[in-house]
N, C-alpha and C. Protein backbone atom coordinates (compact mmCIF):
# COMPACT_ATOMS: atom_id res chain seq x y z
N UNK A 1 102.41 34.38 -67.29
CA UNK A 1 102.45 33.22 -66.92
C UNK A 1 101.18 33.05 -66.12
N UNK A 2 101.02 33.68 -65.15
CA UNK A 2 99.90 33.78 -64.35
C UNK A 2 98.49 34.06 -65.07
N UNK A 3 98.28 34.45 -66.24
CA UNK A 3 97.15 34.74 -66.97
C UNK A 3 97.10 33.22 -67.39
N UNK A 4 97.99 32.58 -68.21
CA UNK A 4 98.27 31.15 -69.19
C UNK A 4 97.83 30.32 -68.12
N UNK A 5 98.32 30.51 -67.00
CA UNK A 5 98.32 29.25 -65.78
C UNK A 5 96.94 29.12 -65.30
N UNK A 6 95.98 30.46 -64.88
CA UNK A 6 94.68 30.41 -64.82
C UNK A 6 93.85 30.19 -65.98
N UNK A 7 93.79 30.47 -66.87
CA UNK A 7 93.17 30.33 -67.87
C UNK A 7 93.18 28.60 -68.21
N UNK A 8 94.28 27.97 -68.00
CA UNK A 8 94.86 26.82 -68.27
C UNK A 8 94.20 25.77 -67.23
N UNK A 9 93.54 26.39 -66.03
CA UNK A 9 93.05 25.53 -65.28
C UNK A 9 94.34 25.53 -63.89
N UNK A 10 95.34 26.04 -63.93
CA UNK A 10 96.08 25.62 -63.08
C UNK A 10 96.41 26.65 -62.06
N UNK A 11 96.43 26.23 -60.78
CA UNK A 11 96.68 27.54 -59.46
C UNK A 11 97.96 28.04 -59.70
N UNK A 12 97.63 29.44 -60.16
CA UNK A 12 98.83 30.28 -60.45
C UNK A 12 99.45 30.55 -59.24
N UNK A 13 98.90 30.42 -58.28
CA UNK A 13 99.69 30.75 -56.63
C UNK A 13 100.56 29.76 -56.49
N UNK A 14 100.63 28.42 -56.91
CA UNK A 14 101.83 27.66 -57.06
C UNK A 14 102.79 27.56 -58.09
N UNK A 15 103.02 28.37 -58.89
CA UNK A 15 103.91 28.49 -60.04
C UNK A 15 105.18 28.67 -59.23
N UNK A 16 105.47 29.50 -58.31
CA UNK A 16 107.02 29.79 -57.99
C UNK A 16 107.44 28.29 -57.43
N UNK A 17 106.67 27.64 -56.57
CA UNK A 17 107.08 26.36 -56.08
C UNK A 17 107.08 25.32 -57.12
N UNK A 18 106.33 25.35 -58.07
CA UNK A 18 106.45 24.39 -59.42
C UNK A 18 107.84 24.63 -59.87
N UNK A 19 108.22 25.61 -60.41
CA UNK A 19 109.15 26.26 -61.39
C UNK A 19 110.48 26.43 -60.21
N UNK A 20 110.50 26.10 -59.09
CA UNK A 20 111.88 26.39 -58.14
C UNK A 20 112.97 25.16 -58.72
N UNK A 21 114.19 26.09 -58.89
CA UNK A 21 115.05 25.51 -59.16
C UNK A 21 115.36 25.22 -60.45
N UNK A 22 114.26 25.32 -61.26
CA UNK A 22 114.38 25.47 -62.52
C UNK A 22 114.86 26.37 -63.61
N UNK A 23 114.90 26.46 -64.96
CA UNK A 23 115.58 27.83 -65.69
C UNK A 23 114.40 28.70 -65.42
N UNK A 24 113.28 28.59 -65.33
CA UNK A 24 112.14 29.44 -65.35
C UNK A 24 112.12 30.04 -63.60
N UNK A 25 112.92 29.85 -63.00
CA UNK A 25 112.82 30.19 -61.52
C UNK A 25 113.40 31.54 -61.80
N UNK A 26 113.00 32.31 -60.88
CA UNK A 26 113.73 33.89 -60.58
C UNK A 26 113.36 34.51 -59.55
N UNK A 27 114.06 35.73 -59.15
CA UNK A 27 113.58 36.40 -58.27
C UNK A 27 112.00 37.10 -58.23
N UNK A 28 112.11 37.77 -59.61
CA UNK A 28 110.92 38.34 -60.10
C UNK A 28 109.70 37.74 -59.82
N UNK A 29 109.74 36.06 -60.33
CA UNK A 29 108.94 35.18 -60.15
C UNK A 29 108.21 34.95 -58.48
N UNK A 30 109.00 34.76 -58.03
CA UNK A 30 109.10 34.48 -56.22
C UNK A 30 108.40 35.67 -55.95
N UNK A 31 108.92 36.98 -56.20
CA UNK A 31 108.35 38.17 -55.77
C UNK A 31 106.83 38.58 -56.41
N UNK A 32 106.84 38.66 -57.08
CA UNK A 32 105.49 39.07 -57.85
C UNK A 32 104.32 38.36 -58.26
N UNK A 33 104.65 36.69 -58.45
CA UNK A 33 103.53 35.91 -58.38
C UNK A 33 102.56 36.14 -57.68
N UNK A 34 102.90 35.95 -56.26
CA UNK A 34 102.15 36.04 -54.92
C UNK A 34 101.55 37.45 -54.99
N UNK A 35 101.80 38.70 -55.69
CA UNK A 35 101.47 40.02 -55.79
C UNK A 35 100.49 39.53 -56.80
N UNK A 36 100.27 38.96 -57.75
CA UNK A 36 99.45 38.61 -58.85
C UNK A 36 98.43 38.19 -58.53
N UNK A 37 98.46 36.88 -57.41
CA UNK A 37 97.44 36.22 -57.08
C UNK A 37 96.66 36.67 -55.84
N UNK A 38 97.27 37.51 -54.82
CA UNK A 38 96.50 37.60 -53.63
C UNK A 38 96.85 39.07 -53.41
N UNK A 39 95.86 39.60 -52.78
CA UNK A 39 95.88 40.99 -52.47
C UNK A 39 96.38 41.08 -51.15
N UNK A 40 96.48 42.75 -50.79
CA UNK A 40 96.77 42.88 -49.80
C UNK A 40 98.57 42.71 -49.31
N UNK A 41 99.13 42.99 -50.59
CA UNK A 41 100.43 43.55 -50.20
C UNK A 41 100.78 44.82 -50.71
N UNK A 42 102.10 45.52 -50.28
CA UNK A 42 102.20 46.88 -50.02
C UNK A 42 103.07 47.05 -51.75
N UNK A 43 102.80 48.30 -52.58
CA UNK A 43 103.63 48.16 -53.48
C UNK A 43 104.78 48.44 -53.51
N UNK A 44 105.93 47.76 -54.25
CA UNK A 44 107.03 47.65 -54.22
C UNK A 44 108.01 48.62 -55.26
N UNK A 45 108.03 49.73 -55.48
CA UNK A 45 108.29 50.39 -57.01
C UNK A 45 106.75 51.10 -57.39
N UNK A 46 106.99 51.39 -58.43
CA UNK A 46 106.25 52.06 -59.41
C UNK A 46 106.11 52.10 -60.82
N UNK A 47 105.10 51.37 -61.65
CA UNK A 47 104.96 51.37 -62.87
C UNK A 47 105.53 52.40 -63.76
N UNK A 48 105.31 53.76 -63.08
CA UNK A 48 105.38 55.10 -63.60
C UNK A 48 106.95 55.24 -63.52
N UNK A 49 107.54 54.67 -62.59
CA UNK A 49 109.33 54.84 -62.63
C UNK A 49 109.49 53.70 -63.76
N UNK A 50 109.22 52.66 -63.77
CA UNK A 50 109.61 51.49 -64.80
C UNK A 50 109.46 52.29 -66.30
N UNK A 51 108.46 52.83 -66.52
CA UNK A 51 108.25 53.71 -67.87
C UNK A 51 109.11 54.00 -68.07
N UNK A 52 109.36 55.34 -67.19
CA UNK A 52 110.51 56.46 -67.66
C UNK A 52 111.73 55.63 -68.16
N UNK A 53 112.17 54.46 -67.37
CA UNK A 53 113.20 53.95 -67.54
C UNK A 53 113.28 53.25 -68.76
N UNK A 54 112.05 52.70 -69.13
CA UNK A 54 111.83 51.72 -70.33
C UNK A 54 112.11 52.98 -71.53
N UNK A 55 111.32 54.04 -71.50
CA UNK A 55 111.41 55.32 -72.72
C UNK A 55 113.01 55.73 -72.95
N UNK A 56 113.69 55.68 -71.68
CA UNK A 56 115.06 56.09 -71.51
C UNK A 56 115.85 54.87 -72.38
N UNK A 57 115.66 53.76 -72.29
CA UNK A 57 116.26 52.62 -73.07
C UNK A 57 115.90 52.61 -74.38
N UNK A 58 114.85 52.48 -74.75
CA UNK A 58 114.08 52.44 -76.05
C UNK A 58 114.86 53.63 -76.83
N UNK A 59 114.83 55.36 -76.00
CA UNK A 59 115.53 56.36 -77.13
C UNK A 59 116.85 56.00 -77.27
N UNK A 60 117.63 55.63 -75.97
CA UNK A 60 118.98 55.09 -76.52
C UNK A 60 119.12 54.15 -77.37
N UNK A 61 118.39 53.11 -77.52
CA UNK A 61 118.62 52.31 -78.45
C UNK A 61 118.19 52.97 -79.87
N UNK A 62 117.02 53.75 -79.89
CA UNK A 62 117.15 54.20 -81.12
C UNK A 62 117.94 55.31 -81.85
N UNK A 63 118.76 55.83 -80.72
CA UNK A 63 119.45 56.86 -81.16
C UNK A 63 120.94 56.09 -81.58
N UNK A 64 121.28 54.89 -81.17
CA UNK A 64 122.60 53.88 -81.87
C UNK A 64 122.09 53.10 -82.70
N UNK A 65 121.11 52.47 -83.05
CA UNK A 65 120.33 51.95 -84.13
C UNK A 65 120.00 50.26 -83.46
N UNK A 66 120.04 50.38 -82.26
CA UNK A 66 120.06 49.04 -81.57
C UNK A 66 118.78 48.27 -81.45
N UNK A 67 118.47 47.03 -82.24
CA UNK A 67 117.13 46.65 -82.20
C UNK A 67 116.74 46.45 -80.52
N UNK A 68 115.75 46.86 -80.36
CA UNK A 68 115.18 46.52 -79.07
C UNK A 68 113.50 45.77 -79.43
N UNK A 69 113.39 45.02 -79.95
CA UNK A 69 111.86 44.81 -80.50
C UNK A 69 110.44 44.74 -79.57
N UNK A 70 111.29 44.40 -78.21
CA UNK A 70 110.10 43.98 -77.18
C UNK A 70 109.60 45.54 -76.46
N UNK A 71 110.63 46.57 -76.66
CA UNK A 71 110.78 47.94 -75.91
C UNK A 71 109.58 48.31 -76.37
N UNK A 72 108.70 48.56 -77.36
CA UNK A 72 107.93 49.15 -77.87
C UNK A 72 106.27 48.47 -77.40
N UNK A 73 106.20 47.07 -77.27
CA UNK A 73 105.12 46.57 -76.41
C UNK A 73 105.40 46.83 -75.12
N UNK A 74 106.20 46.82 -74.32
CA UNK A 74 106.49 47.21 -73.01
C UNK A 74 105.76 48.47 -73.12
N UNK A 75 106.33 49.37 -73.86
CA UNK A 75 105.88 50.88 -73.75
C UNK A 75 104.23 51.03 -73.68
N UNK A 76 103.80 50.41 -74.79
CA UNK A 76 102.51 50.24 -74.84
C UNK A 76 101.35 49.65 -73.62
N UNK A 77 102.21 48.78 -72.98
CA UNK A 77 101.17 48.24 -71.75
C UNK A 77 101.73 49.18 -70.80
N UNK A 78 102.67 49.90 -70.60
CA UNK A 78 102.88 50.77 -69.51
C UNK A 78 101.84 51.88 -69.72
N UNK A 79 101.87 52.58 -70.89
CA UNK A 79 101.07 53.69 -71.31
C UNK A 79 99.60 53.12 -70.89
N UNK A 80 99.18 52.11 -71.37
CA UNK A 80 97.93 51.40 -70.88
C UNK A 80 97.69 51.50 -69.45
N UNK A 81 98.58 50.66 -68.78
CA UNK A 81 98.21 50.83 -67.17
C UNK A 81 98.36 52.31 -66.51
N UNK A 82 98.78 53.49 -67.49
CA UNK A 82 99.00 54.47 -66.75
C UNK A 82 97.57 55.03 -67.00
N UNK A 83 97.01 55.04 -68.01
CA UNK A 83 95.59 55.29 -68.56
C UNK A 83 94.20 54.69 -67.69
N UNK A 84 94.87 53.41 -67.10
CA UNK A 84 93.99 52.76 -66.31
C UNK A 84 94.19 53.16 -64.79
N UNK A 85 95.49 54.40 -64.48
CA UNK A 85 95.12 54.64 -63.30
C UNK A 85 96.39 53.84 -62.23
N UNK A 86 96.95 52.97 -62.66
CA UNK A 86 98.16 52.18 -62.52
C UNK A 86 99.58 52.72 -62.19
N UNK A 87 99.84 53.67 -62.89
CA UNK A 87 101.16 54.42 -62.39
C UNK A 87 101.74 54.16 -61.00
N UNK A 88 101.26 54.17 -60.14
CA UNK A 88 101.68 53.75 -58.92
C UNK A 88 101.87 52.28 -58.50
N UNK A 89 101.43 51.25 -59.08
CA UNK A 89 101.29 49.59 -59.17
C UNK A 89 102.57 49.54 -59.25
N UNK A 90 103.03 48.31 -58.39
CA UNK A 90 104.31 47.84 -58.92
C UNK A 90 104.04 46.79 -60.14
N UNK A 91 105.47 45.72 -60.30
CA UNK A 91 104.90 44.94 -61.65
C UNK A 91 103.88 43.92 -61.88
N UNK A 92 103.69 44.04 -60.22
CA UNK A 92 102.40 43.22 -60.24
C UNK A 92 100.97 43.81 -61.13
N UNK A 93 101.24 45.14 -61.12
CA UNK A 93 100.09 45.93 -62.14
C UNK A 93 99.87 45.28 -63.54
N UNK A 94 100.64 44.77 -63.89
CA UNK A 94 100.63 44.14 -65.32
C UNK A 94 99.65 43.24 -65.44
N UNK A 95 99.05 42.42 -64.11
CA UNK A 95 98.05 41.37 -64.56
C UNK A 95 96.61 42.40 -64.25
N UNK A 96 96.46 43.20 -63.79
CA UNK A 96 95.51 43.97 -64.22
C UNK A 96 95.16 44.79 -65.49
N UNK A 97 96.37 45.25 -65.63
CA UNK A 97 96.24 45.61 -67.49
C UNK A 97 95.95 44.26 -68.34
N UNK A 98 96.24 43.37 -67.97
CA UNK A 98 96.21 42.06 -68.91
C UNK A 98 94.38 41.54 -68.52
N UNK A 99 93.91 42.15 -67.63
CA UNK A 99 92.44 42.11 -67.25
C UNK A 99 92.14 40.58 -66.41
N UNK A 100 93.27 39.99 -65.91
CA UNK A 100 92.85 39.12 -65.15
C UNK A 100 92.87 39.27 -63.86
N UNK A 101 91.83 39.14 -62.52
CA UNK A 101 91.50 39.35 -61.52
C UNK A 101 92.62 38.68 -60.75
N UNK A 102 92.98 39.47 -59.74
CA UNK A 102 94.11 39.20 -58.42
C UNK A 102 93.56 37.89 -57.41
N UNK A 103 92.23 37.78 -57.60
CA UNK A 103 91.67 37.10 -56.25
C UNK A 103 90.48 35.71 -56.98
N UNK A 104 90.43 34.76 -56.64
CA UNK A 104 89.89 34.07 -57.06
C UNK A 104 90.51 32.93 -57.70
N UNK A 105 91.45 32.44 -57.10
CA UNK A 105 92.38 31.58 -57.75
C UNK A 105 91.44 30.32 -58.43
N UNK A 106 91.97 29.74 -59.66
CA UNK A 106 91.33 28.65 -60.25
C UNK A 106 91.44 27.56 -59.65
């Protein structure tokens, strides 16, 4: 959403305010959009831990034959993040994987 907003000429930092109270509003949106659009936040959590959790869920899904079509894509993004040295970044590190700079709002 942050990348799409920026590339559409929308000030991504205003997404939480614009989506407040609607179906797209969430704690994750309000927490991580500022972290994706501004520098200076201390990490909360780590992509490395998220990767472990996603890998565990994907393995359980495979063992039980439960379709989890998005988990493979998430696993690939997390592996790419690790290869980029972002294992200790929180969820906001995904923006760096997607090659969208954090500062310099549109």
